[in-house]
């Protein structure tokens, strides 16, 4: 997800409501700002205690809690079966083939 916000004159940043909800943060969540050449990473402070992430120049190890928070939220739908995945991939391959061959004519 990409969201946009502005820096106020007093240096404050408002994190968009959908980002806060998507991360499961509450009003009292303590956040850590990590500066890197690519920009600034905002993450819960508790997720980093005793570990450093590879994205910020640290090691490859992360805590179990940080790993769990990095997983996408489950939307409640049952997972796809292997047969359903195969069918979706085959349909997409046919769609792309037809788009390429029709465009080449």
Protein backbone atom coordinates (compact mmCIF):
# COMPACT_ATOMS: atom_id res chain seq x y z
CA UNK A 1 0.00 0.00 0.00
CA UNK A 2 1.20 3.48 -0.79
CA UNK A 3 -0.23 6.47 1.03
CA UNK A 4 0.63 10.15 0.97
CA UNK A 5 0.83 12.79 3.68
CA UNK A 6 2.53 16.14 4.27
CA UNK A 7 5.00 17.43 6.80
CA UNK A 8 3.50 20.26 8.83
CA UNK A 9 5.30 23.51 9.64
CA UNK A 10 5.97 22.13 13.11
CA UNK A 11 7.49 18.92 11.71
CA UNK A 12 4.52 16.67 12.41
CA UNK A 13 3.39 13.89 10.08
CA UNK A 14 -0.17 12.55 10.16
CA UNK A 15 -0.30 8.86 9.24
CA UNK A 16 -3.44 8.19 7.14
CA UNK A 17 -6.23 6.38 8.97
CA UNK A 18 -6.26 3.39 6.57
CA UNK A 19 -2.51 2.85 7.12
CA UNK A 20 -2.95 2.97 10.90
CA UNK A 21 -5.85 0.51 10.73
CA UNK A 22 -4.03 -1.77 8.30
CA UNK A 23 -1.04 -1.98 10.62
CA UNK A 24 -3.22 -2.56 13.67
CA UNK A 25 -1.73 0.47 15.44
CA UNK A 26 -3.55 2.27 18.24
CA UNK A 27 -3.27 5.85 19.45
CA UNK A 28 -0.56 4.88 21.95
CA UNK A 29 1.60 2.82 19.57
CA UNK A 30 5.19 4.00 19.92
CA UNK A 31 6.77 4.28 16.50
CA UNK A 32 10.40 4.27 15.42
CA UNK A 33 11.68 6.27 12.43
CA UNK A 34 14.65 4.69 10.65
CA UNK A 35 16.49 6.88 8.15
CA UNK A 36 18.18 5.26 5.15
CA UNK A 37 19.41 6.41 1.73
CA UNK A 38 16.05 5.24 0.28
CA UNK A 39 13.93 7.29 2.68
CA UNK A 40 12.42 6.83 6.12
CA UNK A 41 10.88 3.64 7.48
CA UNK A 42 8.19 3.97 10.16
CA UNK A 43 7.61 0.89 12.30
CA UNK A 44 6.44 0.01 15.81
CA UNK A 45 9.29 0.35 18.27
CA UNK A 46 8.48 -2.96 20.00
CA UNK A 47 9.03 -4.82 16.71
CA UNK A 48 12.71 -3.89 16.63
CA UNK A 49 13.92 -4.55 20.14
CA UNK A 50 17.04 -6.71 19.92
CA UNK A 51 16.95 -7.01 16.13
CA UNK A 52 17.83 -4.98 13.05
CA UNK A 53 16.21 -5.46 9.69
CA UNK A 54 18.19 -6.18 6.54
CA UNK A 55 16.40 -3.29 4.81
CA UNK A 56 18.10 -0.85 7.15
CA UNK A 57 21.58 -2.32 6.82
CA UNK A 58 21.25 -4.72 9.73
CA UNK A 59 21.36 -8.51 9.80
CA UNK A 60 18.90 -10.88 8.16
CA UNK A 61 17.36 -12.00 11.44
CA UNK A 62 14.05 -10.60 12.67
CA UNK A 63 11.98 -11.43 15.71
CA UNK A 64 9.00 -13.77 15.49
CA UNK A 65 6.64 -10.87 16.27
CA UNK A 66 8.15 -8.74 13.52
CA UNK A 67 7.74 -11.65 11.09
CA UNK A 68 4.09 -12.09 12.10
CA UNK A 69 3.41 -8.38 11.59
CA UNK A 70 4.99 -8.52 8.12
CA UNK A 71 2.51 -11.14 6.89
CA UNK A 72 -0.47 -9.89 4.87
CA UNK A 73 -3.74 -9.68 6.77
CA UNK A 74 -6.03 -12.68 6.18
CA UNK A 75 -9.27 -11.60 4.54
CA UNK A 76 -11.32 -14.54 5.80
CA UNK A 77 -11.66 -16.31 2.45
CA UNK A 78 -10.52 -19.93 2.32
CA UNK A 79 -7.14 -20.46 0.63
CA UNK A 80 -7.08 -21.51 -3.03
CA UNK A 81 -6.57 -25.17 -3.86
CA UNK A 82 -3.77 -26.30 -6.17
CA UNK A 83 -6.37 -27.00 -8.88
CA UNK A 84 -7.80 -23.46 -8.57
CA UNK A 85 -4.33 -21.93 -8.78
CA UNK A 86 -3.51 -24.04 -11.85
CA UNK A 87 -6.76 -22.97 -13.55
CA UNK A 88 -6.09 -19.27 -12.81
CA UNK A 89 -2.54 -19.53 -14.18
CA UNK A 90 -3.71 -21.33 -17.32
CA UNK A 91 -6.44 -18.74 -17.95
CA UNK A 92 -3.93 -15.91 -17.53
CA UNK A 93 -1.45 -17.61 -19.88
CA UNK A 94 -4.17 -17.94 -22.54
CA UNK A 95 -5.24 -14.31 -22.05
CA UNK A 96 -1.66 -13.07 -22.44
CA UNK A 97 -1.04 -15.30 -25.48
CA UNK A 98 -4.18 -14.04 -27.21
CA UNK A 99 -3.33 -10.41 -26.38
CA UNK A 100 0.19 -10.87 -27.82
CA UNK A 101 -0.88 -12.72 -30.97
CA UNK A 102 -3.76 -10.34 -31.72
CA UNK A 103 -1.47 -7.36 -31.25
CA UNK A 104 1.19 -8.84 -33.59
CA UNK A 105 -1.21 -9.27 -36.54
